[in-house]
N, C-alpha and C. Protein backbone atom coordinates (compact mmCIF):
# COMPACT_ATOMS: atom_id res chain seq x y z
N MET A 1 1.20 -1.27 0.09
CA MET A 1 0.61 0.08 -0.23
C MET A 1 1.15 0.96 0.02
N THR A 2 0.38 2.33 -0.55
CA THR A 2 1.84 3.64 -0.84
C THR A 2 0.52 4.51 0.32
N THR A 3 1.19 5.23 0.11
CA THR A 3 1.13 6.47 1.09
C THR A 3 1.70 7.62 1.10
N PHE A 4 1.25 9.10 0.74
CA PHE A 4 1.40 9.97 0.72
C PHE A 4 1.59 11.39 1.48
N GLU A 5 2.88 11.57 2.11
CA GLU A 5 3.72 12.75 3.37
C GLU A 5 3.83 13.73 2.36
N LYS A 6 2.85 14.72 3.42
CA LYS A 6 3.00 15.62 2.88
C LYS A 6 4.76 16.62 3.82
N HIS A 7 5.31 17.97 3.18
CA HIS A 7 6.30 18.42 3.36
C HIS A 7 6.38 20.06 3.17
N TYR A 8 6.12 20.34 4.24
CA TYR A 8 5.31 21.88 4.29
C TYR A 8 6.43 22.36 3.69
N ILE A 9 6.70 23.99 3.00
CA ILE A 9 7.59 24.55 2.28
C ILE A 9 7.45 25.71 2.55
N GLY A 10 6.51 26.10 2.60
CA GLY A 10 6.21 27.55 3.14
C GLY A 10 5.13 28.44 3.61
N LYS A 11 4.34 29.06 2.80
CA LYS A 11 3.06 29.92 3.32
C LYS A 11 2.87 30.84 2.98
N GLY A 12 2.04 31.17 2.02
CA GLY A 12 0.82 32.85 1.79
C GLY A 12 0.04 33.66 1.70
N THR A 13 -0.88 34.39 1.43
CA THR A 13 -1.73 35.44 1.50
C THR A 13 -2.58 35.99 -0.19
N GLN A 14 -3.41 35.84 1.05
CA GLN A 14 -4.28 35.83 -0.93
C GLN A 14 -4.75 37.26 -0.88
N VAL A 15 -4.23 37.90 -2.19
CA VAL A 15 -4.10 39.49 -2.30
C VAL A 15 -4.99 39.98 -2.08
N GLU A 16 -5.63 41.29 -1.61
CA GLU A 16 -7.01 41.60 -1.05
C GLU A 16 -7.30 42.15 -3.17
N ASN A 17 -9.34 41.55 -2.47
CA ASN A 17 -9.85 41.87 -4.42
C ASN A 17 -9.54 40.50 -4.93
N LEU A 18 -8.95 39.82 -4.80
CA LEU A 18 -7.81 38.48 -6.61
C LEU A 18 -8.31 38.06 -6.21
N ASP A 19 -8.20 36.69 -7.00
CA ASP A 19 -7.81 35.36 -6.98
C ASP A 19 -6.96 35.23 -6.89
N ILE A 20 -5.88 35.79 -6.51
CA ILE A 20 -4.04 35.79 -6.51
C ILE A 20 -4.25 35.01 -5.15
N ILE A 21 -2.83 34.16 -4.82
CA ILE A 21 -2.49 34.30 -3.81
C ILE A 21 -1.02 34.67 -3.62
N LYS A 22 -0.44 35.05 -2.66
CA LYS A 22 1.47 35.41 -2.88
C LYS A 22 2.08 33.95 -1.88
N ILE A 23 2.79 33.42 -2.50
CA ILE A 23 3.26 32.53 -1.45
C ILE A 23 5.59 32.57 -1.84
N VAL A 24 5.06 32.59 -0.05
CA VAL A 24 6.52 33.07 -0.64
C VAL A 24 7.29 31.81 0.02
N LEU A 25 8.62 31.05 -0.96
CA LEU A 25 9.62 29.82 0.29
C LEU A 25 10.21 29.58 0.19
N PRO A 26 10.97 29.49 0.73
CA PRO A 26 12.73 29.16 0.85
C PRO A 26 13.28 28.57 -0.38
N VAL A 27 14.57 28.95 -0.92
CA VAL A 27 14.91 28.13 -2.58
C VAL A 27 15.63 27.05 -1.41
N GLU A 28 16.38 26.36 0.06
CA GLU A 28 16.74 26.05 0.17
C GLU A 28 15.47 24.34 0.03
N GLY A 29 16.07 23.48 -0.33
CA GLY A 29 15.23 23.17 -0.41
C GLY A 29 14.36 21.60 -1.36
N LEU A 30 14.38 23.21 -1.47
CA LEU A 30 13.04 23.45 -2.91
C LEU A 30 13.58 22.22 -4.05
N GLU A 31 15.06 21.46 -4.50
CA GLU A 31 15.09 20.89 -4.73
C GLU A 31 14.05 19.68 -5.23
N LYS A 32 13.76 19.88 -3.71
CA LYS A 32 13.25 18.32 -3.53
C LYS A 32 12.30 17.92 -4.62
N THR A 33 11.31 19.20 -4.10
CA THR A 33 9.28 19.04 -5.06
C THR A 33 10.84 19.33 -7.23
N GLU A 34 11.71 18.97 -7.29
CA GLU A 34 11.91 18.79 -8.58
C GLU A 34 12.44 17.52 -9.28
N PHE A 35 11.03 17.53 -10.27
CA PHE A 35 11.46 16.19 -11.17
C PHE A 35 11.13 16.34 -13.04
N GLU A 36 11.68 14.96 -14.07
CA GLU A 36 11.99 15.95 -14.76
C GLU A 36 11.79 14.61 -15.71
N LYS A 37 11.02 15.59 -16.85
CA LYS A 37 10.38 15.48 -17.57
C LYS A 37 10.42 15.49 -19.01
N ASN A 38 10.71 14.40 -20.01
CA ASN A 38 11.36 14.83 -21.03
C ASN A 38 12.78 15.59 -21.55
N GLY A 39 13.78 15.50 -20.49
CA GLY A 39 14.05 16.53 -20.28
C GLY A 39 13.88 18.10 -19.76
N VAL A 40 13.03 18.26 -19.39
CA VAL A 40 12.55 19.56 -19.18
C VAL A 40 13.33 19.25 -17.67
N LYS A 41 13.25 20.62 -16.11
CA LYS A 41 13.34 20.07 -15.29
C LYS A 41 11.81 20.58 -14.93
N TYR A 42 10.51 20.12 -14.33
CA TYR A 42 10.30 20.79 -13.19
C TYR A 42 10.40 21.06 -11.30
N LEU A 43 9.28 21.94 -10.81
CA LEU A 43 8.76 21.51 -9.15
C LEU A 43 7.84 21.95 -8.61
N SER A 44 7.41 20.89 -8.19
CA SER A 44 5.61 20.95 -8.38
C SER A 44 5.44 20.34 -6.71
N PHE A 45 3.99 21.37 -6.32
CA PHE A 45 3.75 21.35 -5.12
C PHE A 45 2.50 21.90 -5.11
N GLU A 46 2.06 21.34 -3.62
CA GLU A 46 0.61 22.37 -3.68
C GLU A 46 0.25 23.43 -3.04
N VAL A 47 -1.18 24.46 -3.44
CA VAL A 47 -1.58 25.91 -2.98
C VAL A 47 -3.06 25.27 -2.00
N ALA A 48 -2.30 25.02 -0.95
CA ALA A 48 -3.67 24.54 -0.01
C ALA A 48 -4.25 25.49 0.80
N LYS A 49 -6.23 26.14 0.58
CA LYS A 49 -6.48 26.71 2.37
C LYS A 49 -6.56 26.93 3.27
N LEU A 50 -5.98 27.36 4.65
CA LEU A 50 -6.19 27.25 5.38
C LEU A 50 -7.61 27.23 5.94
N ARG A 51 -7.91 26.65 6.39
CA ARG A 51 -9.57 26.92 7.31
C ARG A 51 -9.19 28.47 8.10
N GLY A 52 -7.95 28.98 8.62
CA GLY A 52 -8.70 30.00 8.60
C GLY A 52 -7.24 31.48 8.79
N GLU A 53 -7.42 32.88 9.30
CA GLU A 53 -6.03 33.25 9.43
C GLU A 53 -4.49 32.52 9.81
N ASP A 54 -3.27 32.38 10.25
CA ASP A 54 -2.83 32.46 11.73
C ASP A 54 -2.31 33.62 11.99
N LYS A 55 -1.39 33.87 13.75
CA LYS A 55 -1.48 34.28 14.04
C LYS A 55 -0.70 35.81 12.82
N PHE A 56 -0.30 35.37 11.91
CA PHE A 56 0.07 35.94 10.43
C PHE A 56 0.16 36.95 10.55
N GLY A 57 -1.95 36.58 9.55
CA GLY A 57 -2.11 36.87 8.93
C GLY A 57 -2.30 35.52 7.22
N ARG A 58 -1.52 35.10 7.63
CA ARG A 58 -1.72 33.98 5.96
C ARG A 58 -2.95 32.92 6.15
N THR A 59 -3.22 33.66 4.89
CA THR A 59 -4.48 32.20 4.54
C THR A 59 -3.98 30.57 4.04
N HIS A 60 -3.70 31.23 3.19
CA HIS A 60 -2.94 29.37 2.78
C HIS A 60 -1.16 28.90 2.27
N THR A 61 -1.25 27.94 2.71
CA THR A 61 -0.04 27.05 2.93
C THR A 61 0.32 26.17 1.60
N CYS A 62 1.73 25.94 1.00
CA CYS A 62 2.10 25.48 0.40
C CYS A 62 3.25 23.87 1.02
N TYR A 63 2.10 23.29 0.00
CA TYR A 63 3.01 21.74 0.32
C TYR A 63 3.92 21.37 -0.56
N TYR A 64 4.91 19.86 -0.86
CA TYR A 64 5.29 18.84 -1.83
C TYR A 64 3.91 17.40 -1.05
N GLN A 65 4.68 16.66 -2.48
CA GLN A 65 3.91 15.11 -0.93
C GLN A 65 5.12 14.70 -2.23
N SER A 66 5.61 13.36 -0.69
CA SER A 66 6.56 12.52 -1.94
C SER A 66 5.92 11.04 -0.70
N LYS A 67 5.89 9.33 -2.03
CA LYS A 67 5.33 8.86 -1.25
C LYS A 67 6.47 7.77 -1.07
N VAL A 68 5.06 7.75 0.57
CA VAL A 68 5.47 6.73 1.62
C VAL A 68 5.51 5.91 1.41
N SER A 69 6.28 4.22 1.44
CA SER A 69 5.94 3.00 0.86
C SER A 69 5.42 1.82 2.63
N SER A 70 4.19 1.76 2.80
CA SER A 70 3.61 1.35 3.92
C SER A 70 4.46 -0.30 4.34
N THR A 71 4.86 0.06 5.72
CA THR A 71 5.92 -1.19 6.43
C THR A 71 4.13 -1.79 7.70
N ILE A 72 3.58 -1.90 6.56
CA ILE A 72 2.18 -2.21 7.83
C ILE A 72 1.41 -2.55 6.27
N PRO A 73 1.72 -4.07 6.95
CA PRO A 73 1.45 -5.08 5.41
C PRO A 73 -0.62 -5.22 5.41
N THR A 74 -0.78 -4.98 4.63
CA THR A 74 -2.58 -5.20 3.94
C THR A 74 -3.31 -6.67 4.29
N GLN A 75 -3.79 -6.94 4.77
CA GLN A 75 -5.17 -7.77 5.02
C GLN A 75 -4.10 -8.60 3.68
N ASP A 76 -4.44 -8.63 2.49
CA ASP A 76 -3.94 -9.58 1.87
C ASP A 76 -2.63 -10.15 1.57
N GLU A 77 -2.19 -9.46 1.57
CA GLU A 77 0.00 -8.84 2.54
C GLU A 77 0.52 -10.03 3.46
N ALA A 78 -0.82 -9.74 4.99
CA ALA A 78 -0.85 -10.77 5.35
C ALA A 78 -1.28 -12.38 5.61
N ALA A 79 -2.25 -12.89 5.18
CA ALA A 79 -2.31 -14.23 4.64
C ALA A 79 -1.78 -14.18 3.34
N GLU A 80 -1.05 -13.95 3.14
CA GLU A 80 0.03 -14.21 1.63
C GLU A 80 1.58 -14.71 2.49
N LYS A 81 1.55 -13.73 3.89
CA LYS A 81 2.69 -13.84 4.34
C LYS A 81 2.80 -15.30 5.44
N GLN A 82 1.44 -15.15 5.74
CA GLN A 82 1.14 -16.95 7.00
C GLN A 82 0.95 -18.13 5.70
N LYS A 83 0.47 -18.10 4.50
CA LYS A 83 1.24 -18.73 3.93
C LYS A 83 2.12 -19.56 2.96
N LYS A 84 3.19 -18.55 3.07
CA LYS A 84 4.61 -18.76 2.98
C LYS A 84 5.03 -20.13 4.19
N THR A 85 4.62 -18.68 5.06
CA THR A 85 5.26 -19.82 6.45
C THR A 85 4.69 -20.26 7.57
N GLY A 86 3.46 -20.90 7.23
CA GLY A 86 2.40 -21.46 7.74
C GLY A 86 2.87 -20.93 9.05
N LYS A 87 2.24 -20.35 8.99
CA LYS A 87 2.92 -20.12 11.44
C LYS A 87 1.08 -19.08 11.16
N LYS A 88 0.60 -19.45 12.37
CA LYS A 88 -0.35 -18.98 12.67
C LYS A 88 -0.80 -18.39 14.46
N LYS A 89 -1.41 -17.66 14.68
CA LYS A 89 -1.47 -16.96 16.13
C LYS A 89 -1.89 -17.17 16.48
N SER A 90 -2.34 -18.49 18.03
CA SER A 90 -3.59 -19.07 18.06
C SER A 90 -4.21 -17.40 19.37
N LYS A 91 -5.26 -17.59 19.35
CA LYS A 91 -6.13 -16.95 20.79
C LYS A 91 -4.90 -16.55 21.49
N GLU A 92 -4.88 -17.31 22.27
CA GLU A 92 -4.04 -16.92 23.34
C GLU A 92 -3.15 -15.69 23.21
N GLN A 93 -1.77 -16.17 21.74
CA GLN A 93 -0.50 -15.59 21.55
C GLN A 93 -0.81 -14.41 21.31
N ALA A 94 -2.59 -13.78 20.38
CA ALA A 94 -3.02 -12.82 20.28
C ALA A 94 -3.32 -11.72 21.54
N ALA A 95 -3.65 -12.62 22.35
CA ALA A 95 -4.09 -11.52 22.95
C ALA A 95 -3.76 -11.28 24.28
N GLU A 96 -1.74 -12.60 24.42
CA GLU A 96 -0.56 -11.36 25.10
C GLU A 96 -0.13 -9.89 24.28
N THR A 97 0.45 -10.94 23.30
CA THR A 97 -0.07 -9.00 22.18
C THR A 97 -0.50 -7.67 22.97
N LYS A 98 -1.76 -8.46 22.50
CA LYS A 98 -2.36 -7.24 23.50
C LYS A 98 -1.81 -6.55 24.23
N ASP A 99 -1.88 -7.25 25.57
CA ASP A 99 -1.36 -7.36 27.20
C ASP A 99 -0.07 -6.47 26.68
N ASP A 100 0.69 -6.90 25.77
CA ASP A 100 1.77 -6.29 26.76
C ASP A 100 2.98 -4.77 26.38
N LEU A 101 1.20 -4.16 25.32
CA LEU A 101 1.15 -2.64 25.48
C LEU A 101 1.16 -1.97 26.71
N PRO A 102 2.10 -0.92 26.13
CA PRO A 102 2.74 -0.48 27.92
C PRO A 102 1.41 1.17 27.63
N PHE A 103 -0.11 0.60 27.09
CA PHE A 103 -0.97 1.74 26.70
C PHE A 103 -2.20 0.74 27.50
């Protein structure tokens, strides 16, 4: 299962009476948003409206996303692994695992 992680890189404000958002981004770190297609380099990021203004009056946030491979197996992956190893947890083992949790 693939998930995405957001990396916040800047914030901005809406220009009064216009549908324009002024975003300020630090140059350092922007190379992480870069990708190349057909020999042309692009920056890829998203701008989203905040639920409300922050304490500096900014109304929008800017971020890029990266793929994160999940370390938690899906049910199908867990079943497949179980078939390969031939091991099954008994109900007692599962209950003991739950009791070992620190919370």
